[in-house]
Amino acid sequence: MTIRLMLLCAPVPSGRETRFADGPLDERAVQQARAAAGALPATGVRYTAPSQRCRQTAQALGWDAAVEPALCDIGVGSWHGRTLDEVAASDPAGLAAWMTHPGAAPHGGETVADVCTRVAAWLDTLQGESGPVTAVVEQAVTRAAVVSVLGAPHASFWRIDIPPLTAVHFTGRAGRWNLRLGAAMSAGA
């Protein structure tokens, strides 16, 4: 049986400095999620990461989604609550190490290699499923899934850009995953 997995990156609130922290969606982000609902599969198994942002996105989509702890965002330890600029100013060497060495955790939290391993293990648990599986996740989880599915080095994690409310598709069968890129053009398009 083939699994059709879609990871949907949660939107981010506008008008605020981005922080290494979870927080509620603003009304603009909720409206964007509601607008995306019609383009998503109507059936299948649905998950959400445990963050408030992901749970609110699933709610805005009208989903009754199971919270999956394995889909949590990358843990940033002592950097939690700080902006990227604040971390860059106070710990430039630590930030550089974290973004270039997948085994580095200068913040005392999770390494890039750790999150890639965690997400790969979650993908393995889906092998008993079939049909559509959809999850609202943080960008780091989608990056880790792409790295895992492609068998890419963990160092490629930071080279993957995934905008908010972007869907990334995978197919899985017999213990093997594929990244599915692009969408078929409709006739007359």
C-alpha atoms as a PDB file:
ATOM      1  CA  MET A   1       0.000   0.000   0.000  1.00  0.00           C
ATOM      2  CA  THR A   2       1.166   3.499  -0.804  1.00  0.00           C
ATOM      3  CA  ILE A   3       1.156   6.334   1.702  1.00  0.00           C
ATOM      4  CA  ARG A   4       0.636   9.843   0.382  1.00  0.00           C
ATOM      5  CA  LEU A   5       2.076  12.161   3.023  1.00  0.00           C
ATOM      6  CA  MET A   6       1.666  15.903   2.887  1.00  0.00           C
ATOM      7  CA  LEU A   7       3.435  18.149   5.392  1.00  0.00           C
ATOM      8  CA  LEU A   8       1.949  21.632   5.593  1.00  0.00           C
ATOM      9  CA  CYS A   9       4.107  24.318   7.203  1.00  0.00           C
ATOM     10  CA  ALA A  10       2.167  26.435   9.656  1.00  0.00           C
ATOM     11  CA  PRO A  11       1.853  30.162   8.930  1.00  0.00           C
ATOM     12  CA  VAL A  12       3.719  32.677  11.024  1.00  0.00           C
ATOM     13  CA  PRO A  13       2.273  35.786  12.648  1.00  0.00           C
ATOM     14  CA  SER A  14       2.989  39.059  10.890  1.00  0.00           C
ATOM     15  CA  GLY A  15       4.169  42.321  12.336  1.00  0.00           C
ATOM     16  CA  ARG A  16       6.260  40.839  15.126  1.00  0.00           C
ATOM     17  CA  GLU A  17       9.906  39.941  15.379  1.00  0.00           C
ATOM     18  CA  THR A  18      10.398  36.260  14.783  1.00  0.00           C
ATOM     19  CA  ARG A  19      11.567  34.507  17.923  1.00  0.00           C
ATOM     20  CA  PHE A  20      12.762  31.040  18.809  1.00  0.00           C
ATOM     21  CA  ALA A  21       9.416  30.412  20.497  1.00  0.00           C
ATOM     22  CA  ASP A  22       5.883  29.242  19.937  1.00  0.00           C
ATOM     23  CA  GLY A  23       3.015  31.674  19.978  1.00  0.00           C
ATOM     24  CA  PRO A  24      -0.506  32.238  18.761  1.00  0.00           C
ATOM     25  CA  LEU A  25      -1.389  33.016  15.170  1.00  0.00           C
ATOM     26  CA  ASP A  26      -2.657  36.480  14.392  1.00  0.00           C
ATOM     27  CA  GLU A  27      -5.917  36.986  12.484  1.00  0.00           C
ATOM     28  CA  ARG A  28      -4.113  37.348   9.139  1.00  0.00           C
ATOM     29  CA  ALA A  29      -2.432  33.951   9.567  1.00  0.00           C
ATOM     30  CA  VAL A  30      -5.724  32.330  10.625  1.00  0.00           C
ATOM     31  CA  GLN A  31      -7.415  33.736   7.518  1.00  0.00           C
ATOM     32  CA  GLN A  32      -4.585  32.456   5.307  1.00  0.00           C
ATOM     33  CA  ALA A  33      -4.972  28.980   6.786  1.00  0.00           C
ATOM     34  CA  ARG A  34      -8.743  29.038   6.289  1.00  0.00           C
ATOM     35  CA  ALA A  35      -8.234  30.074   2.659  1.00  0.00           C
ATOM     36  CA  ALA A  36      -5.895  27.105   2.107  1.00  0.00           C
ATOM     37  CA  ALA A  37      -8.388  24.550   3.450  1.00  0.00           C
ATOM     38  CA  GLY A  38     -10.088  23.933   0.096  1.00  0.00           C
ATOM     39  CA  ALA A  39      -6.820  22.952  -1.586  1.00  0.00           C
ATOM     40  CA  LEU A  40      -6.054  20.174   0.908  1.00  0.00           C
ATOM     41  CA  PRO A  41      -7.147  16.520   0.881  1.00  0.00           C
ATOM     42  CA  ALA A  42     -10.629  16.039   2.290  1.00  0.00           C
ATOM     43  CA  THR A  43      -9.936  12.604   3.749  1.00  0.00           C
ATOM     44  CA  GLY A  44      -7.194  10.673   5.473  1.00  0.00           C
ATOM     45  CA  VAL A  45      -5.263  10.627   8.709  1.00  0.00           C
ATOM     46  CA  ARG A  46      -4.435  14.075  10.098  1.00  0.00           C
ATOM     47  CA  TYR A  47      -1.750  15.102  12.553  1.00  0.00           C
ATOM     48  CA  THR A  48      -0.530  18.338  14.010  1.00  0.00           C
ATOM     49  CA  ALA A  49       2.657  19.263  15.787  1.00  0.00           C
ATOM     50  CA  PRO A  50       2.070  20.152  19.445  1.00  0.00           C
ATOM     51  CA  SER A  51       2.895  23.864  19.079  1.00  0.00           C
ATOM     52  CA  GLN A  52       0.136  26.407  19.527  1.00  0.00           C
ATOM     53  CA  ARG A  53       0.786  27.738  16.014  1.00  0.00           C
ATOM     54  CA  CYS A  54       0.332  24.283  14.433  1.00  0.00           C
ATOM     55  CA  ARG A  55      -2.715  23.389  16.526  1.00  0.00           C
ATOM     56  CA  GLN A  56      -4.377  26.705  15.634  1.00  0.00           C
ATOM     57  CA  THR A  57      -3.596  26.120  11.948  1.00  0.00           C
ATOM     58  CA  ALA A  58      -5.216  22.675  12.066  1.00  0.00           C
ATOM     59  CA  GLN A  59      -8.235  24.220  13.781  1.00  0.00           C
ATOM     60  CA  ALA A  60      -8.466  26.976  11.137  1.00  0.00           C
ATOM     61  CA  LEU A  61      -8.379  24.261   8.466  1.00  0.00           C
ATOM     62  CA  GLY A  62     -11.369  22.630  10.177  1.00  0.00           C
ATOM     63  CA  TRP A  63      -9.423  19.501  11.083  1.00  0.00           C
ATOM     64  CA  ASP A  64      -9.811  17.174  14.010  1.00  0.00           C
ATOM     65  CA  ALA A  65      -6.093  16.336  14.043  1.00  0.00           C
ATOM     66  CA  ALA A  66      -4.183  14.138  16.453  1.00  0.00           C
ATOM     67  CA  VAL A  67      -1.325  15.906  18.234  1.00  0.00           C
ATOM     68  CA  GLU A  68       1.923  14.078  17.408  1.00  0.00           C
ATOM     69  CA  PRO A  69       4.825  14.843  19.798  1.00  0.00           C
ATOM     70  CA  ALA A  70       7.415  13.536  17.303  1.00  0.00           C
ATOM     71  CA  LEU A  71       6.517  16.482  15.047  1.00  0.00           C
ATOM     72  CA  CYS A  72       7.551  19.162  17.557  1.00  0.00           C
ATOM     73  CA  ASP A  73       9.826  21.976  16.445  1.00  0.00           C
ATOM     74  CA  ILE A  74      13.577  21.762  16.959  1.00  0.00           C
ATOM     75  CA  GLY A  75      14.431  22.410  20.607  1.00  0.00           C
ATOM     76  CA  VAL A  76      16.598  25.515  20.992  1.00  0.00           C
ATOM     77  CA  GLY A  77      17.346  25.321  24.714  1.00  0.00           C
ATOM     78  CA  SER A  78      18.678  28.588  26.154  1.00  0.00           C
ATOM     79  CA  TRP A  79      17.833  30.481  22.950  1.00  0.00           C
ATOM     80  CA  HIS A  80      14.118  29.982  23.510  1.00  0.00           C
ATOM     81  CA  GLY A  81      12.251  33.282  23.412  1.00  0.00           C
ATOM     82  CA  ARG A  82      15.089  35.206  21.777  1.00  0.00           C
ATOM     83  CA  THR A  83      15.263  36.638  18.264  1.00  0.00           C
ATOM     84  CA  LEU A  84      17.845  35.525  15.729  1.00  0.00           C
ATOM     85  CA  ASP A  85      19.452  38.987  15.944  1.00  0.00           C
ATOM     86  CA  GLU A  86      19.729  38.713  19.738  1.00  0.00           C
ATOM     87  CA  VAL A  87      21.378  35.299  19.465  1.00  0.00           C
ATOM     88  CA  ALA A  88      23.711  36.526  16.705  1.00  0.00           C
ATOM     89  CA  ALA A  89      24.779  39.455  18.896  1.00  0.00           C
ATOM     90  CA  SER A  90      25.289  37.467  22.109  1.00  0.00           C
ATOM     91  CA  ASP A  91      26.550  34.135  20.746  1.00  0.00           C
ATOM     92  CA  PRO A  92      27.818  34.575  17.166  1.00  0.00           C
ATOM     93  CA  ALA A  93      30.180  31.594  17.382  1.00  0.00           C
ATOM     94  CA  GLY A  94      27.432  29.375  18.779  1.00  0.00           C
ATOM     95  CA  LEU A  95      24.974  30.409  16.079  1.00  0.00           C
ATOM     96  CA  ALA A  96      27.574  29.820  13.363  1.00  0.00           C
ATOM     97  CA  ALA A  97      28.372  26.379  14.782  1.00  0.00           C
ATOM     98  CA  TRP A  98      24.677  25.433  14.986  1.00  0.00           C
ATOM     99  CA  MET A  99      24.082  26.442  11.382  1.00  0.00           C
ATOM    100  CA  THR A 100      27.164  24.695   9.974  1.00  0.00           C
ATOM    101  CA  HIS A 101      27.682  21.600  12.127  1.00  0.00           C
ATOM    102  CA  PRO A 102      24.627  19.279  12.384  1.00  0.00           C
ATOM    103  CA  GLY A 103      25.880  17.823  15.680  1.00  0.00           C
ATOM    104  CA  ALA A 104      26.271  21.202  17.404  1.00  0.00           C
ATOM    105  CA  ALA A 105      23.887  22.330  20.150  1.00  0.00           C
ATOM    106  CA  PRO A 106      25.440  25.460  21.675  1.00  0.00           C
ATOM    107  CA  HIS A 107      22.021  26.362  23.101  1.00  0.00           C
ATOM    108  CA  GLY A 108      21.846  23.076  25.033  1.00  0.00           C
ATOM    109  CA  GLY A 109      18.800  21.919  23.068  1.00  0.00           C
ATOM    110  CA  GLU A 110      18.387  19.623  20.099  1.00  0.00           C
ATOM    111  CA  THR A 111      20.915  19.315  17.277  1.00  0.00           C
ATOM    112  CA  VAL A 112      19.954  19.359  13.612  1.00  0.00           C
ATOM    113  CA  ALA A 113      21.044  15.714  13.469  1.00  0.00           C
ATOM    114  CA  ASP A 114      18.711  14.957  16.401  1.00  0.00           C
ATOM    115  CA  VAL A 115      15.655  16.482  14.715  1.00  0.00           C
ATOM    116  CA  CYS A 116      16.472  14.692  11.435  1.00  0.00           C
ATOM    117  CA  THR A 117      16.721  11.368  13.282  1.00  0.00           C
ATOM    118  CA  ARG A 118      13.487  12.004  15.208  1.00  0.00           C
ATOM    119  CA  VAL A 119      11.512  12.872  12.076  1.00  0.00           C
ATOM    120  CA  ALA A 120      12.973   9.884  10.173  1.00  0.00           C
ATOM    121  CA  ALA A 121      11.817   7.608  13.009  1.00  0.00           C
ATOM    122  CA  TRP A 122       8.305   9.094  12.786  1.00  0.00           C
ATOM    123  CA  LEU A 123       8.254   8.476   9.024  1.00  0.00           C
ATOM    124  CA  ASP A 124       9.106   4.838   9.753  1.00  0.00           C
ATOM    125  CA  THR A 125       6.039   4.543  12.016  1.00  0.00           C
ATOM    126  CA  LEU A 126       3.800   5.455   9.069  1.00  0.00           C
ATOM    127  CA  GLN A 127       4.758   2.365   7.076  1.00  0.00           C
ATOM    128  CA  GLY A 128       1.671   0.544   8.371  1.00  0.00           C
ATOM    129  CA  GLU A 129      -0.612   3.297   7.032  1.00  0.00           C
ATOM    130  CA  SER A 130      -2.039   3.604   3.544  1.00  0.00           C
ATOM    131  CA  GLY A 131      -3.765   6.427   1.743  1.00  0.00           C
ATOM    132  CA  PRO A 132      -3.477  10.112   2.527  1.00  0.00           C
ATOM    133  CA  VAL A 133      -1.732  11.338   5.677  1.00  0.00           C
ATOM    134  CA  THR A 134      -1.520  15.071   6.315  1.00  0.00           C
ATOM    135  CA  ALA A 135       0.257  16.970   9.081  1.00  0.00           C
ATOM    136  CA  VAL A 136       0.624  20.612  10.058  1.00  0.00           C
ATOM    137  CA  VAL A 137       4.229  21.099  11.133  1.00  0.00           C
ATOM    138  CA  GLU A 138       6.987  23.603  11.722  1.00  0.00           C
ATOM    139  CA  GLN A 139       9.502  24.373   8.986  1.00  0.00           C
ATOM    140  CA  ALA A 140      12.277  22.425  10.758  1.00  0.00           C
ATOM    141  CA  VAL A 141      10.206  19.233  10.668  1.00  0.00           C
ATOM    142  CA  THR A 142       9.629  19.521   6.923  1.00  0.00           C
ATOM    143  CA  ARG A 143      13.316  20.219   6.350  1.00  0.00           C
ATOM    144  CA  ALA A 144      14.203  17.149   8.390  1.00  0.00           C
ATOM    145  CA  ALA A 145      11.728  15.012   6.421  1.00  0.00           C
ATOM    146  CA  VAL A 146      13.234  16.141   3.100  1.00  0.00           C
ATOM    147  CA  VAL A 147      16.758  15.403   4.365  1.00  0.00           C
ATOM    148  CA  SER A 148      15.657  11.954   5.557  1.00  0.00           C
ATOM    149  CA  VAL A 149      13.720  10.962   2.443  1.00  0.00           C
ATOM    150  CA  LEU A 150      16.543  12.011   0.123  1.00  0.00           C
ATOM    151  CA  GLY A 151      19.221  10.444   2.302  1.00  0.00           C
ATOM    152  CA  ALA A 152      20.922  13.833   2.146  1.00  0.00           C
ATOM    153  CA  PRO A 153      23.624  14.841   4.614  1.00  0.00           C
ATOM    154  CA  HIS A 154      22.286  16.562   7.714  1.00  0.00           C
ATOM    155  CA  ALA A 155      24.348  19.620   6.740  1.00  0.00           C
ATOM    156  CA  SER A 156      21.877  20.220   3.886  1.00  0.00           C
ATOM    157  CA  PHE A 157      19.123  21.014   6.441  1.00  0.00           C
ATOM    158  CA  TRP A 158      19.795  24.769   6.310  1.00  0.00           C
ATOM    159  CA  ARG A 159      19.772  24.766   2.483  1.00  0.00           C
ATOM    160  CA  ILE A 160      16.066  23.957   2.268  1.00  0.00           C
ATOM    161  CA  ASP A 161      13.642  26.888   2.220  1.00  0.00           C
ATOM    162  CA  ILE A 162      10.017  26.124   3.002  1.00  0.00           C
ATOM    163  CA  PRO A 163       7.703  29.141   3.149  1.00  0.00           C
ATOM    164  CA  PRO A 164       4.721  29.225   5.515  1.00  0.00           C
ATOM    165  CA  LEU A 165       1.605  27.417   4.254  1.00  0.00           C
ATOM    166  CA  THR A 166       3.659  25.435   1.765  1.00  0.00           C
ATOM    167  CA  ALA A 167       2.725  21.797   1.244  1.00  0.00           C
ATOM    168  CA  VAL A 168       5.529  19.299   0.682  1.00  0.00           C
ATOM    169  CA  HIS A 169       4.480  15.893  -0.640  1.00  0.00           C
ATOM    170  CA  PHE A 170       6.001  12.464  -0.111  1.00  0.00           C
ATOM    171  CA  THR A 171       4.984   8.971  -1.164  1.00  0.00           C
ATOM    172  CA  GLY A 172       5.973   5.905   0.781  1.00  0.00           C
ATOM    173  CA  ARG A 173       5.807   2.221   0.071  1.00  0.00           C
ATOM    174  CA  ALA A 174       7.594  -0.864   1.360  1.00  0.00           C
ATOM    175  CA  GLY A 175       9.936   1.097   3.631  1.00  0.00           C
ATOM    176  CA  ARG A 176      10.975   3.560   0.939  1.00  0.00           C
ATOM    177  CA  TRP A 177      10.018   7.227   0.674  1.00  0.00           C
ATOM    178  CA  ASN A 178      10.078   9.549  -2.320  1.00  0.00           C
ATOM    179  CA  LEU A 179       9.870  13.324  -2.449  1.00  0.00           C
ATOM    180  CA  ARG A 180       7.111  14.354  -4.836  1.00  0.00           C
ATOM    181  CA  LEU A 181       7.769  17.696  -6.526  1.00  0.00           C
ATOM    182  CA  GLY A 182       5.517  19.826  -8.676  1.00  0.00           C
ATOM    183  CA  ALA A 183       1.872  19.512  -9.531  1.00  0.00           C
ATOM    184  CA  ALA A 184       0.273  18.450 -12.778  1.00  0.00           C
ATOM    185  CA  MET A 185      -0.902  21.335 -14.908  1.00  0.00           C
ATOM    186  CA  SER A 186      -4.600  21.198 -15.696  1.00  0.00           C
ATOM    187  CA  ALA A 187      -5.723  21.193 -19.311  1.00  0.00           C
ATOM    188  CA  GLY A 188      -5.941  24.718 -20.641  1.00  0.00           C
ATOM    189  CA  ALA A 189      -3.607  26.112 -18.004  1.00  0.00           C
END
